Amino acid sequence: VSTQSTGDQFDIKISLKINSDRSREVPCYNRANYEEINKELAGMDWDSVLASHDIAQNWATFRTYLRDICTKYIPTVKVRCNFSPPWYTATCEQASSHLPWGRT
């Protein structure tokens, strides 16, 4: 953003960089290796990992550990972003098309 003053008027120039890649990566939970996730979680010595008496520190440790396991055993897929709500699926689209007012 840059501004330039000429008396009592201002010229404002704005440059925007628009990301043309309308896709993102999301976890594909139906292809996750839940057996390995369960093995790693069951094999962890939770008493030593969560030995801190600070609940915030224990939560951060657990969250980091779980996030690492999920990254390791849950693959991701690239999906196209279409700026519609995530709950508005094709089934919702079909159902709303049968309503008298249709989708707006």
N, C-alpha and C. Protein backbone atom coordinates (compact mmCIF):
# COMPACT_ATOMS: atom_id res chain seq x y z
N VAL A 1 0.86 -1.18 0.00
CA VAL A 1 0.00 0.00 0.00
C VAL A 1 0.89 1.22 0.00
N SER A 2 0.57 2.14 -0.86
CA SER A 2 1.31 3.41 -0.86
C SER A 2 0.32 4.55 -1.03
N THR A 3 0.64 5.66 -0.41
CA THR A 3 -0.21 6.84 -0.54
C THR A 3 0.63 8.00 -1.06
N GLN A 4 -0.06 8.89 -1.74
CA GLN A 4 0.61 10.06 -2.29
C GLN A 4 -0.35 11.23 -2.12
N SER A 5 0.14 12.32 -1.57
CA SER A 5 -0.70 13.47 -1.29
C SER A 5 -0.48 14.55 -2.33
N THR A 6 -1.58 15.08 -2.85
CA THR A 6 -1.52 16.24 -3.74
C THR A 6 -2.53 17.25 -3.23
N GLY A 7 -2.09 18.09 -2.31
CA GLY A 7 -2.99 19.08 -1.75
C GLY A 7 -3.94 18.42 -0.76
N ASP A 8 -5.25 18.56 -1.03
CA ASP A 8 -6.25 17.98 -0.13
C ASP A 8 -6.77 16.64 -0.66
N GLN A 9 -6.11 16.07 -1.65
CA GLN A 9 -6.52 14.78 -2.19
C GLN A 9 -5.40 13.76 -1.99
N PHE A 10 -5.81 12.50 -1.89
CA PHE A 10 -4.84 11.41 -1.72
C PHE A 10 -5.03 10.39 -2.82
N ASP A 11 -3.94 9.92 -3.35
CA ASP A 11 -3.97 8.78 -4.26
C ASP A 11 -3.53 7.57 -3.45
N ILE A 12 -4.33 6.54 -3.48
CA ILE A 12 -3.99 5.32 -2.75
C ILE A 12 -3.81 4.20 -3.77
N LYS A 13 -2.67 3.53 -3.69
CA LYS A 13 -2.41 2.40 -4.57
C LYS A 13 -2.26 1.16 -3.70
N ILE A 14 -3.00 0.14 -4.03
CA ILE A 14 -2.96 -1.12 -3.29
C ILE A 14 -2.60 -2.23 -4.26
N SER A 15 -1.60 -3.02 -3.89
CA SER A 15 -1.29 -4.18 -4.71
C SER A 15 -1.57 -5.43 -3.90
N LEU A 16 -2.31 -6.34 -4.51
CA LEU A 16 -2.69 -7.58 -3.85
C LEU A 16 -2.11 -8.76 -4.62
N LYS A 17 -1.69 -9.73 -3.87
CA LYS A 17 -1.24 -10.97 -4.49
C LYS A 17 -2.32 -12.01 -4.20
N ILE A 18 -2.98 -12.47 -5.24
CA ILE A 18 -4.06 -13.42 -5.09
C ILE A 18 -3.52 -14.81 -5.38
N ASN A 19 -3.76 -15.70 -4.44
CA ASN A 19 -3.32 -17.09 -4.61
C ASN A 19 -4.28 -17.78 -5.57
N SER A 20 -3.77 -18.17 -6.72
CA SER A 20 -4.63 -18.81 -7.71
C SER A 20 -4.80 -20.30 -7.44
N ASP A 21 -3.99 -20.85 -6.56
CA ASP A 21 -4.12 -22.27 -6.21
C ASP A 21 -5.26 -22.40 -5.21
N ARG A 22 -6.38 -22.91 -5.66
CA ARG A 22 -7.55 -23.01 -4.81
C ARG A 22 -7.68 -24.41 -4.22
N SER A 23 -6.56 -24.94 -3.74
CA SER A 23 -6.61 -26.26 -3.15
C SER A 23 -5.84 -26.24 -1.83
N ARG A 24 -6.14 -27.23 -1.01
CA ARG A 24 -5.44 -27.37 0.26
C ARG A 24 -5.37 -28.84 0.61
N GLU A 25 -4.48 -29.18 1.52
CA GLU A 25 -4.35 -30.57 1.94
C GLU A 25 -5.11 -30.78 3.24
N VAL A 26 -5.88 -31.86 3.29
CA VAL A 26 -6.64 -32.21 4.48
C VAL A 26 -6.38 -33.68 4.81
N PRO A 27 -6.53 -34.05 6.09
CA PRO A 27 -6.33 -35.46 6.46
C PRO A 27 -7.38 -36.36 5.81
N CYS A 28 -6.94 -37.53 5.38
CA CYS A 28 -7.84 -38.53 4.81
C CYS A 28 -8.00 -39.63 5.87
N TYR A 29 -8.97 -39.45 6.76
CA TYR A 29 -9.14 -40.32 7.92
C TYR A 29 -9.54 -41.74 7.53
N ASN A 30 -10.21 -41.94 6.41
CA ASN A 30 -10.61 -43.29 6.05
C ASN A 30 -9.43 -44.14 5.56
N ARG A 31 -8.28 -43.52 5.29
CA ARG A 31 -7.08 -44.27 4.89
C ARG A 31 -6.02 -44.29 5.99
N ALA A 32 -6.39 -43.85 7.19
CA ALA A 32 -5.44 -43.80 8.31
C ALA A 32 -5.11 -45.21 8.79
N ASN A 33 -3.92 -45.36 9.32
CA ASN A 33 -3.48 -46.64 9.87
C ASN A 33 -3.75 -46.62 11.38
N TYR A 34 -4.99 -46.94 11.76
CA TYR A 34 -5.41 -46.86 13.16
C TYR A 34 -4.72 -47.91 14.03
N GLU A 35 -4.34 -49.04 13.47
CA GLU A 35 -3.64 -50.05 14.25
C GLU A 35 -2.30 -49.51 14.75
N GLU A 36 -1.57 -48.85 13.87
CA GLU A 36 -0.27 -48.28 14.27
C GLU A 36 -0.45 -47.13 15.24
N ILE A 37 -1.47 -46.33 15.03
CA ILE A 37 -1.75 -45.23 15.96
C ILE A 37 -2.01 -45.80 17.35
N ASN A 38 -2.86 -46.83 17.43
CA ASN A 38 -3.16 -47.44 18.72
C ASN A 38 -1.94 -48.08 19.35
N LYS A 39 -1.08 -48.72 18.54
CA LYS A 39 0.15 -49.32 19.07
C LYS A 39 1.06 -48.28 19.69
N GLU A 40 1.23 -47.17 19.00
CA GLU A 40 2.10 -46.12 19.54
C GLU A 40 1.53 -45.51 20.80
N LEU A 41 0.21 -45.29 20.82
CA LEU A 41 -0.41 -44.71 22.01
C LEU A 41 -0.34 -45.68 23.19
N ALA A 42 -0.55 -46.98 22.94
CA ALA A 42 -0.52 -47.98 24.00
C ALA A 42 0.91 -48.23 24.49
N GLY A 43 1.88 -48.08 23.63
CA GLY A 43 3.27 -48.33 24.00
C GLY A 43 3.95 -47.18 24.70
N MET A 44 3.26 -46.08 24.85
CA MET A 44 3.85 -44.89 25.46
C MET A 44 3.79 -44.98 26.98
N ASP A 45 4.87 -44.61 27.66
CA ASP A 45 4.88 -44.56 29.12
C ASP A 45 4.33 -43.19 29.54
N TRP A 46 3.03 -43.12 29.67
CA TRP A 46 2.34 -41.85 29.92
C TRP A 46 2.73 -41.24 31.27
N ASP A 47 3.05 -42.09 32.26
CA ASP A 47 3.44 -41.55 33.57
C ASP A 47 4.71 -40.71 33.47
N SER A 48 5.65 -41.17 32.67
CA SER A 48 6.89 -40.39 32.54
C SER A 48 6.71 -39.20 31.60
N VAL A 49 5.92 -39.39 30.55
CA VAL A 49 5.70 -38.29 29.60
C VAL A 49 4.94 -37.14 30.26
N LEU A 50 3.94 -37.48 31.06
CA LEU A 50 3.11 -36.46 31.70
C LEU A 50 3.47 -36.31 33.17
N ALA A 51 4.78 -36.34 33.47
CA ALA A 51 5.24 -36.27 34.86
C ALA A 51 5.11 -34.86 35.44
N SER A 52 5.01 -33.89 34.61
CA SER A 52 4.88 -32.51 35.09
C SER A 52 3.55 -32.34 35.81
N HIS A 53 3.55 -31.55 36.87
CA HIS A 53 2.30 -31.30 37.59
C HIS A 53 1.55 -30.11 37.02
N ASP A 54 2.13 -29.50 36.01
CA ASP A 54 1.49 -28.36 35.36
C ASP A 54 0.58 -28.88 34.26
N ILE A 55 -0.72 -28.66 34.42
CA ILE A 55 -1.71 -29.19 33.47
C ILE A 55 -1.51 -28.60 32.07
N ALA A 56 -1.14 -27.34 31.99
CA ALA A 56 -0.94 -26.71 30.67
C ALA A 56 0.24 -27.36 29.94
N GLN A 57 1.30 -27.64 30.67
CA GLN A 57 2.46 -28.28 30.06
C GLN A 57 2.13 -29.71 29.64
N ASN A 58 1.39 -30.44 30.48
CA ASN A 58 0.98 -31.80 30.13
C ASN A 58 0.09 -31.81 28.89
N TRP A 59 -0.82 -30.86 28.79
CA TRP A 59 -1.70 -30.77 27.63
C TRP A 59 -0.89 -30.49 26.36
N ALA A 60 0.06 -29.56 26.45
CA ALA A 60 0.88 -29.22 25.29
C ALA A 60 1.72 -30.43 24.85
N THR A 61 2.25 -31.16 25.81
CA THR A 61 3.04 -32.35 25.49
C THR A 61 2.18 -33.41 24.82
N PHE A 62 1.01 -33.67 25.38
CA PHE A 62 0.11 -34.68 24.81
C PHE A 62 -0.32 -34.27 23.40
N ARG A 63 -0.70 -33.02 23.24
CA ARG A 63 -1.17 -32.52 21.94
C ARG A 63 -0.08 -32.64 20.88
N THR A 64 1.16 -32.29 21.24
CA THR A 64 2.27 -32.41 20.30
C THR A 64 2.51 -33.86 19.92
N TYR A 65 2.49 -34.74 20.90
CA TYR A 65 2.71 -36.16 20.65
C TYR A 65 1.62 -36.73 19.74
N LEU A 66 0.37 -36.40 20.03
CA LEU A 66 -0.74 -36.89 19.22
C LEU A 66 -0.69 -36.32 17.81
N ARG A 67 -0.34 -35.06 17.69
CA ARG A 67 -0.24 -34.43 16.36
C ARG A 67 0.85 -35.10 15.52
N ASP A 68 1.97 -35.43 16.15
CA ASP A 68 3.06 -36.11 15.44
C ASP A 68 2.63 -37.49 14.96
N ILE A 69 1.92 -38.23 15.81
CA ILE A 69 1.43 -39.56 15.43
C ILE A 69 0.44 -39.45 14.28
N CYS A 70 -0.46 -38.50 14.36
CA CYS A 70 -1.46 -38.33 13.29
C CYS A 70 -0.78 -37.96 11.97
N THR A 71 0.21 -37.10 12.03
CA THR A 71 0.95 -36.73 10.82
C THR A 71 1.63 -37.94 10.21
N LYS A 72 2.11 -38.82 11.07
CA LYS A 72 2.84 -40.00 10.62
C LYS A 72 1.92 -41.05 10.00
N TYR A 73 0.72 -41.25 10.54
CA TYR A 73 -0.13 -42.37 10.13
C TYR A 73 -1.43 -41.98 9.41
N ILE A 74 -1.70 -40.71 9.27
CA ILE A 74 -2.91 -40.29 8.55
C ILE A 74 -2.47 -39.54 7.30
N PRO A 75 -2.69 -40.14 6.12
CA PRO A 75 -2.27 -39.46 4.89
C PRO A 75 -3.15 -38.24 4.61
N THR A 76 -2.65 -37.38 3.76
CA THR A 76 -3.43 -36.20 3.37
C THR A 76 -3.82 -36.30 1.90
N VAL A 77 -4.88 -35.62 1.56
CA VAL A 77 -5.31 -35.52 0.17
C VAL A 77 -5.49 -34.05 -0.15
N LYS A 78 -5.30 -33.72 -1.41
CA LYS A 78 -5.48 -32.35 -1.87
C LYS A 78 -6.93 -32.17 -2.29
N VAL A 79 -7.58 -31.18 -1.73
CA VAL A 79 -8.97 -30.89 -2.09
C VAL A 79 -9.06 -29.47 -2.62
N ARG A 80 -10.02 -29.27 -3.47
CA ARG A 80 -10.23 -27.94 -4.04
C ARG A 80 -11.07 -27.11 -3.09
N CYS A 81 -10.68 -25.90 -2.85
CA CYS A 81 -11.44 -24.99 -2.00
C CYS A 81 -12.50 -24.31 -2.85
N ASN A 82 -13.74 -24.41 -2.42
CA ASN A 82 -14.80 -23.77 -3.19
C ASN A 82 -15.57 -22.76 -2.34
N PHE A 83 -15.03 -22.43 -1.18
CA PHE A 83 -15.58 -21.41 -0.30
C PHE A 83 -17.01 -21.69 0.15
N SER A 84 -17.43 -22.94 0.14
CA SER A 84 -18.73 -23.27 0.70
C SER A 84 -18.49 -23.90 2.06
N PRO A 85 -19.49 -23.86 2.94
CA PRO A 85 -19.30 -24.43 4.27
C PRO A 85 -18.95 -25.91 4.18
N PRO A 86 -18.07 -26.39 5.07
CA PRO A 86 -17.65 -27.79 4.99
C PRO A 86 -18.77 -28.79 5.22
N TRP A 87 -19.83 -28.37 5.92
CA TRP A 87 -20.94 -29.29 6.18
C TRP A 87 -21.90 -29.35 4.99
N TYR A 88 -21.77 -28.44 4.04
CA TYR A 88 -22.69 -28.41 2.90
C TYR A 88 -22.16 -29.35 1.82
N THR A 89 -22.55 -30.61 1.91
CA THR A 89 -22.05 -31.65 1.02
C THR A 89 -22.93 -31.80 -0.21
N ALA A 90 -22.55 -32.72 -1.08
CA ALA A 90 -23.36 -32.99 -2.28
C ALA A 90 -24.74 -33.50 -1.89
N THR A 91 -24.83 -34.24 -0.78
CA THR A 91 -26.13 -34.73 -0.31
C THR A 91 -27.02 -33.55 0.07
N CYS A 92 -26.47 -32.57 0.75
CA CYS A 92 -27.24 -31.36 1.09
C CYS A 92 -27.68 -30.63 -0.17
N GLU A 93 -26.79 -30.55 -1.13
CA GLU A 93 -27.11 -29.88 -2.40
C GLU A 93 -28.29 -30.56 -3.08
N GLN A 94 -28.25 -31.90 -3.13
CA GLN A 94 -29.34 -32.65 -3.75
C GLN A 94 -30.65 -32.43 -3.00
N ALA A 95 -30.58 -32.49 -1.67
CA ALA A 95 -31.79 -32.33 -0.87
C ALA A 95 -32.38 -30.93 -1.04
N SER A 96 -31.52 -29.91 -1.09
CA SER A 96 -32.03 -28.54 -1.21
C SER A 96 -32.59 -28.27 -2.60
N SER A 97 -32.14 -29.00 -3.61
CA SER A 97 -32.66 -28.76 -4.95
C SER A 97 -34.11 -29.21 -5.09
N HIS A 98 -34.57 -30.08 -4.19
CA HIS A 98 -35.97 -30.53 -4.23
C HIS A 98 -36.91 -29.63 -3.47
N LEU A 99 -36.37 -28.66 -2.75
CA LEU A 99 -37.21 -27.73 -2.01
C LEU A 99 -37.82 -26.72 -2.98
N PRO A 100 -39.00 -26.20 -2.65
CA PRO A 100 -39.66 -25.27 -3.59
C PRO A 100 -38.84 -24.01 -3.88
N TRP A 101 -38.06 -23.56 -2.93
CA TRP A 101 -37.28 -22.34 -3.16
C TRP A 101 -35.87 -22.61 -3.64
N GLY A 102 -35.41 -23.87 -3.62
CA GLY A 102 -34.08 -24.23 -4.13
C GLY A 102 -32.98 -23.64 -3.28
N ARG A 103 -31.77 -23.79 -3.72
CA ARG A 103 -30.62 -23.23 -2.98
C ARG A 103 -30.42 -21.79 -3.39
N THR A 104 -30.15 -20.96 -2.42
CA THR A 104 -29.89 -19.54 -2.72
C THR A 104 -28.43 -19.26 -2.70
